[in-house]
Amino acid sequence: PAVALYESAGMRAVGVRPGYYAET
């Protein structure tokens, strides 16, 4: 749902940040 929200606002995926979420 969040990805869809951002895409509807004109955002697009440009890459991946490995291990960004430290808790998981």
PDBML (XML) file of the C-alpha atoms, coordinates in Angstrom:
<?xml version="1.0" encoding="UTF-8" ?>
<PDBx:datablock datablockName="MODEL"
   xmlns:PDBx="http://pdbml.pdb.org/schema/pdbx-v50.xsd"
   xmlns:xsi="http://www.w3.org/2001/XMLSchema-instance"
   xsi:schemaLocation="http://pdbml.pdb.org/schema/pdbx-v50.xsd pdbx-v50.xsd">
   <PDBx:atom_siteCategory>
      <PDBx:atom_site id="1">
         <PDBx:B_iso_or_equiv>0.00</PDBx:B_iso_or_equiv>
         <PDBx:Cartn_x>0.000</PDBx:Cartn_x>
         <PDBx:Cartn_y>0.000</PDBx:Cartn_y>
         <PDBx:Cartn_z>0.000</PDBx:Cartn_z>
         <PDBx:auth_asym_id>A</PDBx:auth_asym_id>
         <PDBx:auth_atom_id>CA</PDBx:auth_atom_id>
         <PDBx:auth_comp_id>PRO</PDBx:auth_comp_id>
         <PDBx:auth_seq_id>1</PDBx:auth_seq_id>
         <PDBx:group_PDB>ATOM</PDBx:group_PDB>
         <PDBx:label_alt_id xsi:nil="true" />
         <PDBx:label_asym_id>A</PDBx:label_asym_id>
         <PDBx:label_atom_id>CA</PDBx:label_atom_id>
         <PDBx:label_comp_id>PRO</PDBx:label_comp_id>
         <PDBx:label_entity_id>1</PDBx:label_entity_id>
         <PDBx:label_seq_id>1</PDBx:label_seq_id>
         <PDBx:occupancy>1.00</PDBx:occupancy>
         <PDBx:pdbx_PDB_model_num>1</PDBx:pdbx_PDB_model_num>
         <PDBx:type_symbol>C</PDBx:type_symbol>
      </PDBx:atom_site>
      <PDBx:atom_site id="2">
         <PDBx:B_iso_or_equiv>0.00</PDBx:B_iso_or_equiv>
         <PDBx:Cartn_x>2.820</PDBx:Cartn_x>
         <PDBx:Cartn_y>2.443</PDBx:Cartn_y>
         <PDBx:Cartn_z>0.815</PDBx:Cartn_z>
         <PDBx:auth_asym_id>A</PDBx:auth_asym_id>
         <PDBx:auth_atom_id>CA</PDBx:auth_atom_id>
         <PDBx:auth_comp_id>ALA</PDBx:auth_comp_id>
         <PDBx:auth_seq_id>2</PDBx:auth_seq_id>
         <PDBx:group_PDB>ATOM</PDBx:group_PDB>
         <PDBx:label_alt_id xsi:nil="true" />
         <PDBx:label_asym_id>A</PDBx:label_asym_id>
         <PDBx:label_atom_id>CA</PDBx:label_atom_id>
         <PDBx:label_comp_id>ALA</PDBx:label_comp_id>
         <PDBx:label_entity_id>1</PDBx:label_entity_id>
         <PDBx:label_seq_id>2</PDBx:label_seq_id>
         <PDBx:occupancy>1.00</PDBx:occupancy>
         <PDBx:pdbx_PDB_model_num>1</PDBx:pdbx_PDB_model_num>
         <PDBx:type_symbol>C</PDBx:type_symbol>
      </PDBx:atom_site>
      <PDBx:atom_site id="3">
         <PDBx:B_iso_or_equiv>0.00</PDBx:B_iso_or_equiv>
         <PDBx:Cartn_x>4.653</PDBx:Cartn_x>
         <PDBx:Cartn_y>1.700</PDBx:Cartn_y>
         <PDBx:Cartn_z>-2.426</PDBx:Cartn_z>
         <PDBx:auth_asym_id>A</PDBx:auth_asym_id>
         <PDBx:auth_atom_id>CA</PDBx:auth_atom_id>
         <PDBx:auth_comp_id>VAL</PDBx:auth_comp_id>
         <PDBx:auth_seq_id>3</PDBx:auth_seq_id>
         <PDBx:group_PDB>ATOM</PDBx:group_PDB>
         <PDBx:label_alt_id xsi:nil="true" />
         <PDBx:label_asym_id>A</PDBx:label_asym_id>
         <PDBx:label_atom_id>CA</PDBx:label_atom_id>
         <PDBx:label_comp_id>VAL</PDBx:label_comp_id>
         <PDBx:label_entity_id>1</PDBx:label_entity_id>
         <PDBx:label_seq_id>3</PDBx:label_seq_id>
         <PDBx:occupancy>1.00</PDBx:occupancy>
         <PDBx:pdbx_PDB_model_num>1</PDBx:pdbx_PDB_model_num>
         <PDBx:type_symbol>C</PDBx:type_symbol>
      </PDBx:atom_site>
      <PDBx:atom_site id="4">
         <PDBx:B_iso_or_equiv>0.00</PDBx:B_iso_or_equiv>
         <PDBx:Cartn_x>1.418</PDBx:Cartn_x>
         <PDBx:Cartn_y>2.246</PDBx:Cartn_y>
         <PDBx:Cartn_z>-4.363</PDBx:Cartn_z>
         <PDBx:auth_asym_id>A</PDBx:auth_asym_id>
         <PDBx:auth_atom_id>CA</PDBx:auth_atom_id>
         <PDBx:auth_comp_id>ALA</PDBx:auth_comp_id>
         <PDBx:auth_seq_id>4</PDBx:auth_seq_id>
         <PDBx:group_PDB>ATOM</PDBx:group_PDB>
         <PDBx:label_alt_id xsi:nil="true" />
         <PDBx:label_asym_id>A</PDBx:label_asym_id>
         <PDBx:label_atom_id>CA</PDBx:label_atom_id>
         <PDBx:label_comp_id>ALA</PDBx:label_comp_id>
         <PDBx:label_entity_id>1</PDBx:label_entity_id>
         <PDBx:label_seq_id>4</PDBx:label_seq_id>
         <PDBx:occupancy>1.00</PDBx:occupancy>
         <PDBx:pdbx_PDB_model_num>1</PDBx:pdbx_PDB_model_num>
         <PDBx:type_symbol>C</PDBx:type_symbol>
      </PDBx:atom_site>
      <PDBx:atom_site id="5">
         <PDBx:B_iso_or_equiv>0.00</PDBx:B_iso_or_equiv>
         <PDBx:Cartn_x>0.828</PDBx:Cartn_x>
         <PDBx:Cartn_y>5.559</PDBx:Cartn_y>
         <PDBx:Cartn_z>-2.553</PDBx:Cartn_z>
         <PDBx:auth_asym_id>A</PDBx:auth_asym_id>
         <PDBx:auth_atom_id>CA</PDBx:auth_atom_id>
         <PDBx:auth_comp_id>LEU</PDBx:auth_comp_id>
         <PDBx:auth_seq_id>5</PDBx:auth_seq_id>
         <PDBx:group_PDB>ATOM</PDBx:group_PDB>
         <PDBx:label_alt_id xsi:nil="true" />
         <PDBx:label_asym_id>A</PDBx:label_asym_id>
         <PDBx:label_atom_id>CA</PDBx:label_atom_id>
         <PDBx:label_comp_id>LEU</PDBx:label_comp_id>
         <PDBx:label_entity_id>1</PDBx:label_entity_id>
         <PDBx:label_seq_id>5</PDBx:label_seq_id>
         <PDBx:occupancy>1.00</PDBx:occupancy>
         <PDBx:pdbx_PDB_model_num>1</PDBx:pdbx_PDB_model_num>
         <PDBx:type_symbol>C</PDBx:type_symbol>
      </PDBx:atom_site>
      <PDBx:atom_site id="6">
         <PDBx:B_iso_or_equiv>0.00</PDBx:B_iso_or_equiv>
         <PDBx:Cartn_x>4.290</PDBx:Cartn_x>
         <PDBx:Cartn_y>6.822</PDBx:Cartn_y>
         <PDBx:Cartn_z>-3.441</PDBx:Cartn_z>
         <PDBx:auth_asym_id>A</PDBx:auth_asym_id>
         <PDBx:auth_atom_id>CA</PDBx:auth_atom_id>
         <PDBx:auth_comp_id>TYR</PDBx:auth_comp_id>
         <PDBx:auth_seq_id>6</PDBx:auth_seq_id>
         <PDBx:group_PDB>ATOM</PDBx:group_PDB>
         <PDBx:label_alt_id xsi:nil="true" />
         <PDBx:label_asym_id>A</PDBx:label_asym_id>
         <PDBx:label_atom_id>CA</PDBx:label_atom_id>
         <PDBx:label_comp_id>TYR</PDBx:label_comp_id>
         <PDBx:label_entity_id>1</PDBx:label_entity_id>
         <PDBx:label_seq_id>6</PDBx:label_seq_id>
         <PDBx:occupancy>1.00</PDBx:occupancy>
         <PDBx:pdbx_PDB_model_num>1</PDBx:pdbx_PDB_model_num>
         <PDBx:type_symbol>C</PDBx:type_symbol>
      </PDBx:atom_site>
      <PDBx:atom_site id="7">
         <PDBx:B_iso_or_equiv>0.00</PDBx:B_iso_or_equiv>
         <PDBx:Cartn_x>3.980</PDBx:Cartn_x>
         <PDBx:Cartn_y>5.660</PDBx:Cartn_y>
         <PDBx:Cartn_z>-7.037</PDBx:Cartn_z>
         <PDBx:auth_asym_id>A</PDBx:auth_asym_id>
         <PDBx:auth_atom_id>CA</PDBx:auth_atom_id>
         <PDBx:auth_comp_id>GLU</PDBx:auth_comp_id>
         <PDBx:auth_seq_id>7</PDBx:auth_seq_id>
         <PDBx:group_PDB>ATOM</PDBx:group_PDB>
         <PDBx:label_alt_id xsi:nil="true" />
         <PDBx:label_asym_id>A</PDBx:label_asym_id>
         <PDBx:label_atom_id>CA</PDBx:label_atom_id>
         <PDBx:label_comp_id>GLU</PDBx:label_comp_id>
         <PDBx:label_entity_id>1</PDBx:label_entity_id>
         <PDBx:label_seq_id>7</PDBx:label_seq_id>
         <PDBx:occupancy>1.00</PDBx:occupancy>
         <PDBx:pdbx_PDB_model_num>1</PDBx:pdbx_PDB_model_num>
         <PDBx:type_symbol>C</PDBx:type_symbol>
      </PDBx:atom_site>
      <PDBx:atom_site id="8">
         <PDBx:B_iso_or_equiv>0.00</PDBx:B_iso_or_equiv>
         <PDBx:Cartn_x>0.685</PDBx:Cartn_x>
         <PDBx:Cartn_y>7.537</PDBx:Cartn_y>
         <PDBx:Cartn_z>-7.348</PDBx:Cartn_z>
         <PDBx:auth_asym_id>A</PDBx:auth_asym_id>
         <PDBx:auth_atom_id>CA</PDBx:auth_atom_id>
         <PDBx:auth_comp_id>SER</PDBx:auth_comp_id>
         <PDBx:auth_seq_id>8</PDBx:auth_seq_id>
         <PDBx:group_PDB>ATOM</PDBx:group_PDB>
         <PDBx:label_alt_id xsi:nil="true" />
         <PDBx:label_asym_id>A</PDBx:label_asym_id>
         <PDBx:label_atom_id>CA</PDBx:label_atom_id>
         <PDBx:label_comp_id>SER</PDBx:label_comp_id>
         <PDBx:label_entity_id>1</PDBx:label_entity_id>
         <PDBx:label_seq_id>8</PDBx:label_seq_id>
         <PDBx:occupancy>1.00</PDBx:occupancy>
         <PDBx:pdbx_PDB_model_num>1</PDBx:pdbx_PDB_model_num>
         <PDBx:type_symbol>C</PDBx:type_symbol>
      </PDBx:atom_site>
      <PDBx:atom_site id="9">
         <PDBx:B_iso_or_equiv>0.00</PDBx:B_iso_or_equiv>
         <PDBx:Cartn_x>2.585</PDBx:Cartn_x>
         <PDBx:Cartn_y>10.663</PDBx:Cartn_y>
         <PDBx:Cartn_z>-6.281</PDBx:Cartn_z>
         <PDBx:auth_asym_id>A</PDBx:auth_asym_id>
         <PDBx:auth_atom_id>CA</PDBx:auth_atom_id>
         <PDBx:auth_comp_id>ALA</PDBx:auth_comp_id>
         <PDBx:auth_seq_id>9</PDBx:auth_seq_id>
         <PDBx:group_PDB>ATOM</PDBx:group_PDB>
         <PDBx:label_alt_id xsi:nil="true" />
         <PDBx:label_asym_id>A</PDBx:label_asym_id>
         <PDBx:label_atom_id>CA</PDBx:label_atom_id>
         <PDBx:label_comp_id>ALA</PDBx:label_comp_id>
         <PDBx:label_entity_id>1</PDBx:label_entity_id>
         <PDBx:label_seq_id>9</PDBx:label_seq_id>
         <PDBx:occupancy>1.00</PDBx:occupancy>
         <PDBx:pdbx_PDB_model_num>1</PDBx:pdbx_PDB_model_num>
         <PDBx:type_symbol>C</PDBx:type_symbol>
      </PDBx:atom_site>
      <PDBx:atom_site id="10">
         <PDBx:B_iso_or_equiv>0.00</PDBx:B_iso_or_equiv>
         <PDBx:Cartn_x>5.113</PDBx:Cartn_x>
         <PDBx:Cartn_y>10.201</PDBx:Cartn_y>
         <PDBx:Cartn_z>-9.089</PDBx:Cartn_z>
         <PDBx:auth_asym_id>A</PDBx:auth_asym_id>
         <PDBx:auth_atom_id>CA</PDBx:auth_atom_id>
         <PDBx:auth_comp_id>GLY</PDBx:auth_comp_id>
         <PDBx:auth_seq_id>10</PDBx:auth_seq_id>
         <PDBx:group_PDB>ATOM</PDBx:group_PDB>
         <PDBx:label_alt_id xsi:nil="true" />
         <PDBx:label_asym_id>A</PDBx:label_asym_id>
         <PDBx:label_atom_id>CA</PDBx:label_atom_id>
         <PDBx:label_comp_id>GLY</PDBx:label_comp_id>
         <PDBx:label_entity_id>1</PDBx:label_entity_id>
         <PDBx:label_seq_id>10</PDBx:label_seq_id>
         <PDBx:occupancy>1.00</PDBx:occupancy>
         <PDBx:pdbx_PDB_model_num>1</PDBx:pdbx_PDB_model_num>
         <PDBx:type_symbol>C</PDBx:type_symbol>
      </PDBx:atom_site>
      <PDBx:atom_site id="11">
         <PDBx:B_iso_or_equiv>0.00</PDBx:B_iso_or_equiv>
         <PDBx:Cartn_x>7.826</PDBx:Cartn_x>
         <PDBx:Cartn_y>8.376</PDBx:Cartn_y>
         <PDBx:Cartn_z>-7.140</PDBx:Cartn_z>
         <PDBx:auth_asym_id>A</PDBx:auth_asym_id>
         <PDBx:auth_atom_id>CA</PDBx:auth_atom_id>
         <PDBx:auth_comp_id>MET</PDBx:auth_comp_id>
         <PDBx:auth_seq_id>11</PDBx:auth_seq_id>
         <PDBx:group_PDB>ATOM</PDBx:group_PDB>
         <PDBx:label_alt_id xsi:nil="true" />
         <PDBx:label_asym_id>A</PDBx:label_asym_id>
         <PDBx:label_atom_id>CA</PDBx:label_atom_id>
         <PDBx:label_comp_id>MET</PDBx:label_comp_id>
         <PDBx:label_entity_id>1</PDBx:label_entity_id>
         <PDBx:label_seq_id>11</PDBx:label_seq_id>
         <PDBx:occupancy>1.00</PDBx:occupancy>
         <PDBx:pdbx_PDB_model_num>1</PDBx:pdbx_PDB_model_num>
         <PDBx:type_symbol>C</PDBx:type_symbol>
      </PDBx:atom_site>
      <PDBx:atom_site id="12">
         <PDBx:B_iso_or_equiv>0.00</PDBx:B_iso_or_equiv>
         <PDBx:Cartn_x>9.707</PDBx:Cartn_x>
         <PDBx:Cartn_y>5.479</PDBx:Cartn_y>
         <PDBx:Cartn_z>-8.749</PDBx:Cartn_z>
         <PDBx:auth_asym_id>A</PDBx:auth_asym_id>
         <PDBx:auth_atom_id>CA</PDBx:auth_atom_id>
         <PDBx:auth_comp_id>ARG</PDBx:auth_comp_id>
         <PDBx:auth_seq_id>12</PDBx:auth_seq_id>
         <PDBx:group_PDB>ATOM</PDBx:group_PDB>
         <PDBx:label_alt_id xsi:nil="true" />
         <PDBx:label_asym_id>A</PDBx:label_asym_id>
         <PDBx:label_atom_id>CA</PDBx:label_atom_id>
         <PDBx:label_comp_id>ARG</PDBx:label_comp_id>
         <PDBx:label_entity_id>1</PDBx:label_entity_id>
         <PDBx:label_seq_id>12</PDBx:label_seq_id>
         <PDBx:occupancy>1.00</PDBx:occupancy>
         <PDBx:pdbx_PDB_model_num>1</PDBx:pdbx_PDB_model_num>
         <PDBx:type_symbol>C</PDBx:type_symbol>
      </PDBx:atom_site>
      <PDBx:atom_site id="13">
         <PDBx:B_iso_or_equiv>0.00</PDBx:B_iso_or_equiv>
         <PDBx:Cartn_x>12.083</PDBx:Cartn_x>
         <PDBx:Cartn_y>2.821</PDBx:Cartn_y>
         <PDBx:Cartn_z>-7.455</PDBx:Cartn_z>
         <PDBx:auth_asym_id>A</PDBx:auth_asym_id>
         <PDBx:auth_atom_id>CA</PDBx:auth_atom_id>
         <PDBx:auth_comp_id>ALA</PDBx:auth_comp_id>
         <PDBx:auth_seq_id>13</PDBx:auth_seq_id>
         <PDBx:group_PDB>ATOM</PDBx:group_PDB>
         <PDBx:label_alt_id xsi:nil="true" />
         <PDBx:label_asym_id>A</PDBx:label_asym_id>
         <PDBx:label_atom_id>CA</PDBx:label_atom_id>
         <PDBx:label_comp_id>ALA</PDBx:label_comp_id>
         <PDBx:label_entity_id>1</PDBx:label_entity_id>
         <PDBx:label_seq_id>13</PDBx:label_seq_id>
         <PDBx:occupancy>1.00</PDBx:occupancy>
         <PDBx:pdbx_PDB_model_num>1</PDBx:pdbx_PDB_model_num>
         <PDBx:type_symbol>C</PDBx:type_symbol>
      </PDBx:atom_site>
      <PDBx:atom_site id="14">
         <PDBx:B_iso_or_equiv>0.00</PDBx:B_iso_or_equiv>
         <PDBx:Cartn_x>15.737</PDBx:Cartn_x>
         <PDBx:Cartn_y>3.566</PDBx:Cartn_y>
         <PDBx:Cartn_z>-8.167</PDBx:Cartn_z>
         <PDBx:auth_asym_id>A</PDBx:auth_asym_id>
         <PDBx:auth_atom_id>CA</PDBx:auth_atom_id>
         <PDBx:auth_comp_id>VAL</PDBx:auth_comp_id>
         <PDBx:auth_seq_id>14</PDBx:auth_seq_id>
         <PDBx:group_PDB>ATOM</PDBx:group_PDB>
         <PDBx:label_alt_id xsi:nil="true" />
         <PDBx:label_asym_id>A</PDBx:label_asym_id>
         <PDBx:label_atom_id>CA</PDBx:label_atom_id>
         <PDBx:label_comp_id>VAL</PDBx:label_comp_id>
         <PDBx:label_entity_id>1</PDBx:label_entity_id>
         <PDBx:label_seq_id>14</PDBx:label_seq_id>
         <PDBx:occupancy>1.00</PDBx:occupancy>
         <PDBx:pdbx_PDB_model_num>1</PDBx:pdbx_PDB_model_num>
         <PDBx:type_symbol>C</PDBx:type_symbol>
      </PDBx:atom_site>
      <PDBx:atom_site id="15">
         <PDBx:B_iso_or_equiv>0.00</PDBx:B_iso_or_equiv>
         <PDBx:Cartn_x>17.571</PDBx:Cartn_x>
         <PDBx:Cartn_y>1.017</PDBx:Cartn_y>
         <PDBx:Cartn_z>-6.028</PDBx:Cartn_z>
         <PDBx:auth_asym_id>A</PDBx:auth_asym_id>
         <PDBx:auth_atom_id>CA</PDBx:auth_atom_id>
         <PDBx:auth_comp_id>GLY</PDBx:auth_comp_id>
         <PDBx:auth_seq_id>15</PDBx:auth_seq_id>
         <PDBx:group_PDB>ATOM</PDBx:group_PDB>
         <PDBx:label_alt_id xsi:nil="true" />
         <PDBx:label_asym_id>A</PDBx:label_asym_id>
         <PDBx:label_atom_id>CA</PDBx:label_atom_id>
         <PDBx:label_comp_id>GLY</PDBx:label_comp_id>
         <PDBx:label_entity_id>1</PDBx:label_entity_id>
         <PDBx:label_seq_id>15</PDBx:label_seq_id>
         <PDBx:occupancy>1.00</PDBx:occupancy>
         <PDBx:pdbx_PDB_model_num>1</PDBx:pdbx_PDB_model_num>
         <PDBx:type_symbol>C</PDBx:type_symbol>
      </PDBx:atom_site>
      <PDBx:atom_site id="16">
         <PDBx:B_iso_or_equiv>0.00</PDBx:B_iso_or_equiv>
         <PDBx:Cartn_x>17.853</PDBx:Cartn_x>
         <PDBx:Cartn_y>-0.959</PDBx:Cartn_y>
         <PDBx:Cartn_z>-2.809</PDBx:Cartn_z>
         <PDBx:auth_asym_id>A</PDBx:auth_asym_id>
         <PDBx:auth_atom_id>CA</PDBx:auth_atom_id>
         <PDBx:auth_comp_id>VAL</PDBx:auth_comp_id>
         <PDBx:auth_seq_id>16</PDBx:auth_seq_id>
         <PDBx:group_PDB>ATOM</PDBx:group_PDB>
         <PDBx:label_alt_id xsi:nil="true" />
         <PDBx:label_asym_id>A</PDBx:label_asym_id>
         <PDBx:label_atom_id>CA</PDBx:label_atom_id>
         <PDBx:label_comp_id>VAL</PDBx:label_comp_id>
         <PDBx:label_entity_id>1</PDBx:label_entity_id>
         <PDBx:label_seq_id>16</PDBx:label_seq_id>
         <PDBx:occupancy>1.00</PDBx:occupancy>
         <PDBx:pdbx_PDB_model_num>1</PDBx:pdbx_PDB_model_num>
         <PDBx:type_symbol>C</PDBx:type_symbol>
      </PDBx:atom_site>
      <PDBx:atom_site id="17">
         <PDBx:B_iso_or_equiv>0.00</PDBx:B_iso_or_equiv>
         <PDBx:Cartn_x>19.526</PDBx:Cartn_x>
         <PDBx:Cartn_y>-0.067</PDBx:Cartn_y>
         <PDBx:Cartn_z>0.479</PDBx:Cartn_z>
         <PDBx:auth_asym_id>A</PDBx:auth_asym_id>
         <PDBx:auth_atom_id>CA</PDBx:auth_atom_id>
         <PDBx:auth_comp_id>ARG</PDBx:auth_comp_id>
         <PDBx:auth_seq_id>17</PDBx:auth_seq_id>
         <PDBx:group_PDB>ATOM</PDBx:group_PDB>
         <PDBx:label_alt_id xsi:nil="true" />
         <PDBx:label_asym_id>A</PDBx:label_asym_id>
         <PDBx:label_atom_id>CA</PDBx:label_atom_id>
         <PDBx:label_comp_id>ARG</PDBx:label_comp_id>
         <PDBx:label_entity_id>1</PDBx:label_entity_id>
         <PDBx:label_seq_id>17</PDBx:label_seq_id>
         <PDBx:occupancy>1.00</PDBx:occupancy>
         <PDBx:pdbx_PDB_model_num>1</PDBx:pdbx_PDB_model_num>
         <PDBx:type_symbol>C</PDBx:type_symbol>
      </PDBx:atom_site>
      <PDBx:atom_site id="18">
         <PDBx:B_iso_or_equiv>0.00</PDBx:B_iso_or_equiv>
         <PDBx:Cartn_x>20.735</PDBx:Cartn_x>
         <PDBx:Cartn_y>-3.391</PDBx:Cartn_y>
         <PDBx:Cartn_z>2.022</PDBx:Cartn_z>
         <PDBx:auth_asym_id>A</PDBx:auth_asym_id>
         <PDBx:auth_atom_id>CA</PDBx:auth_atom_id>
         <PDBx:auth_comp_id>PRO</PDBx:auth_comp_id>
         <PDBx:auth_seq_id>18</PDBx:auth_seq_id>
         <PDBx:group_PDB>ATOM</PDBx:group_PDB>
         <PDBx:label_alt_id xsi:nil="true" />
         <PDBx:label_asym_id>A</PDBx:label_asym_id>
         <PDBx:label_atom_id>CA</PDBx:label_atom_id>
         <PDBx:label_comp_id>PRO</PDBx:label_comp_id>
         <PDBx:label_entity_id>1</PDBx:label_entity_id>
         <PDBx:label_seq_id>18</PDBx:label_seq_id>
         <PDBx:occupancy>1.00</PDBx:occupancy>
         <PDBx:pdbx_PDB_model_num>1</PDBx:pdbx_PDB_model_num>
         <PDBx:type_symbol>C</PDBx:type_symbol>
      </PDBx:atom_site>
      <PDBx:atom_site id="19">
         <PDBx:B_iso_or_equiv>0.00</PDBx:B_iso_or_equiv>
         <PDBx:Cartn_x>19.932</PDBx:Cartn_x>
         <PDBx:Cartn_y>-4.043</PDBx:Cartn_y>
         <PDBx:Cartn_z>5.685</PDBx:Cartn_z>
         <PDBx:auth_asym_id>A</PDBx:auth_asym_id>
         <PDBx:auth_atom_id>CA</PDBx:auth_atom_id>
         <PDBx:auth_comp_id>GLY</PDBx:auth_comp_id>
         <PDBx:auth_seq_id>19</PDBx:auth_seq_id>
         <PDBx:group_PDB>ATOM</PDBx:group_PDB>
         <PDBx:label_alt_id xsi:nil="true" />
         <PDBx:label_asym_id>A</PDBx:label_asym_id>
         <PDBx:label_atom_id>CA</PDBx:label_atom_id>
         <PDBx:label_comp_id>GLY</PDBx:label_comp_id>
         <PDBx:label_entity_id>1</PDBx:label_entity_id>
         <PDBx:label_seq_id>19</PDBx:label_seq_id>
         <PDBx:occupancy>1.00</PDBx:occupancy>
         <PDBx:pdbx_PDB_model_num>1</PDBx:pdbx_PDB_model_num>
         <PDBx:type_symbol>C</PDBx:type_symbol>
      </PDBx:atom_site>
      <PDBx:atom_site id="20">
         <PDBx:B_iso_or_equiv>0.00</PDBx:B_iso_or_equiv>
         <PDBx:Cartn_x>18.330</PDBx:Cartn_x>
         <PDBx:Cartn_y>-0.622</PDBx:Cartn_y>
         <PDBx:Cartn_z>6.144</PDBx:Cartn_z>
         <PDBx:auth_asym_id>A</PDBx:auth_asym_id>
         <PDBx:auth_atom_id>CA</PDBx:auth_atom_id>
         <PDBx:auth_comp_id>TYR</PDBx:auth_comp_id>
         <PDBx:auth_seq_id>20</PDBx:auth_seq_id>
         <PDBx:group_PDB>ATOM</PDBx:group_PDB>
         <PDBx:label_alt_id xsi:nil="true" />
         <PDBx:label_asym_id>A</PDBx:label_asym_id>
         <PDBx:label_atom_id>CA</PDBx:label_atom_id>
         <PDBx:label_comp_id>TYR</PDBx:label_comp_id>
         <PDBx:label_entity_id>1</PDBx:label_entity_id>
         <PDBx:label_seq_id>20</PDBx:label_seq_id>
         <PDBx:occupancy>1.00</PDBx:occupancy>
         <PDBx:pdbx_PDB_model_num>1</PDBx:pdbx_PDB_model_num>
         <PDBx:type_symbol>C</PDBx:type_symbol>
      </PDBx:atom_site>
      <PDBx:atom_site id="21">
         <PDBx:B_iso_or_equiv>0.00</PDBx:B_iso_or_equiv>
         <PDBx:Cartn_x>15.801</PDBx:Cartn_x>
         <PDBx:Cartn_y>-1.793</PDBx:Cartn_y>
         <PDBx:Cartn_z>8.738</PDBx:Cartn_z>
         <PDBx:auth_asym_id>A</PDBx:auth_asym_id>
         <PDBx:auth_atom_id>CA</PDBx:auth_atom_id>
         <PDBx:auth_comp_id>TYR</PDBx:auth_comp_id>
         <PDBx:auth_seq_id>21</PDBx:auth_seq_id>
         <PDBx:group_PDB>ATOM</PDBx:group_PDB>
         <PDBx:label_alt_id xsi:nil="true" />
         <PDBx:label_asym_id>A</PDBx:label_asym_id>
         <PDBx:label_atom_id>CA</PDBx:label_atom_id>
         <PDBx:label_comp_id>TYR</PDBx:label_comp_id>
         <PDBx:label_entity_id>1</PDBx:label_entity_id>
         <PDBx:label_seq_id>21</PDBx:label_seq_id>
         <PDBx:occupancy>1.00</PDBx:occupancy>
         <PDBx:pdbx_PDB_model_num>1</PDBx:pdbx_PDB_model_num>
         <PDBx:type_symbol>C</PDBx:type_symbol>
      </PDBx:atom_site>
      <PDBx:atom_site id="22">
         <PDBx:B_iso_or_equiv>0.00</PDBx:B_iso_or_equiv>
         <PDBx:Cartn_x>18.084</PDBx:Cartn_x>
         <PDBx:Cartn_y>-2.732</PDBx:Cartn_y>
         <PDBx:Cartn_z>11.615</PDBx:Cartn_z>
         <PDBx:auth_asym_id>A</PDBx:auth_asym_id>
         <PDBx:auth_atom_id>CA</PDBx:auth_atom_id>
         <PDBx:auth_comp_id>ALA</PDBx:auth_comp_id>
         <PDBx:auth_seq_id>22</PDBx:auth_seq_id>
         <PDBx:group_PDB>ATOM</PDBx:group_PDB>
         <PDBx:label_alt_id xsi:nil="true" />
         <PDBx:label_asym_id>A</PDBx:label_asym_id>
         <PDBx:label_atom_id>CA</PDBx:label_atom_id>
         <PDBx:label_comp_id>ALA</PDBx:label_comp_id>
         <PDBx:label_entity_id>1</PDBx:label_entity_id>
         <PDBx:label_seq_id>22</PDBx:label_seq_id>
         <PDBx:occupancy>1.00</PDBx:occupancy>
         <PDBx:pdbx_PDB_model_num>1</PDBx:pdbx_PDB_model_num>
         <PDBx:type_symbol>C</PDBx:type_symbol>
      </PDBx:atom_site>
      <PDBx:atom_site id="23">
         <PDBx:B_iso_or_equiv>0.00</PDBx:B_iso_or_equiv>
         <PDBx:Cartn_x>15.348</PDBx:Cartn_x>
         <PDBx:Cartn_y>-4.343</PDBx:Cartn_y>
         <PDBx:Cartn_z>13.713</PDBx:Cartn_z>
         <PDBx:auth_asym_id>A</PDBx:auth_asym_id>
         <PDBx:auth_atom_id>CA</PDBx:auth_atom_id>
         <PDBx:auth_comp_id>GLU</PDBx:auth_comp_id>
         <PDBx:auth_seq_id>23</PDBx:auth_seq_id>
         <PDBx:group_PDB>ATOM</PDBx:group_PDB>
         <PDBx:label_alt_id xsi:nil="true" />
         <PDBx:label_asym_id>A</PDBx:label_asym_id>
         <PDBx:label_atom_id>CA</PDBx:label_atom_id>
         <PDBx:label_comp_id>GLU</PDBx:label_comp_id>
         <PDBx:label_entity_id>1</PDBx:label_entity_id>
         <PDBx:label_seq_id>23</PDBx:label_seq_id>
         <PDBx:occupancy>1.00</PDBx:occupancy>
         <PDBx:pdbx_PDB_model_num>1</PDBx:pdbx_PDB_model_num>
         <PDBx:type_symbol>C</PDBx:type_symbol>
      </PDBx:atom_site>
      <PDBx:atom_site id="24">
         <PDBx:B_iso_or_equiv>0.00</PDBx:B_iso_or_equiv>
         <PDBx:Cartn_x>14.615</PDBx:Cartn_x>
         <PDBx:Cartn_y>-6.968</PDBx:Cartn_y>
         <PDBx:Cartn_z>11.026</PDBx:Cartn_z>
         <PDBx:auth_asym_id>A</PDBx:auth_asym_id>
         <PDBx:auth_atom_id>CA</PDBx:auth_atom_id>
         <PDBx:auth_comp_id>THR</PDBx:auth_comp_id>
         <PDBx:auth_seq_id>24</PDBx:auth_seq_id>
         <PDBx:group_PDB>ATOM</PDBx:group_PDB>
         <PDBx:label_alt_id xsi:nil="true" />
         <PDBx:label_asym_id>A</PDBx:label_asym_id>
         <PDBx:label_atom_id>CA</PDBx:label_atom_id>
         <PDBx:label_comp_id>THR</PDBx:label_comp_id>
         <PDBx:label_entity_id>1</PDBx:label_entity_id>
         <PDBx:label_seq_id>24</PDBx:label_seq_id>
         <PDBx:occupancy>1.00</PDBx:occupancy>
         <PDBx:pdbx_PDB_model_num>1</PDBx:pdbx_PDB_model_num>
         <PDBx:type_symbol>C</PDBx:type_symbol>
      </PDBx:atom_site>
   </PDBx:atom_siteCategory>
</PDBx:datablock>
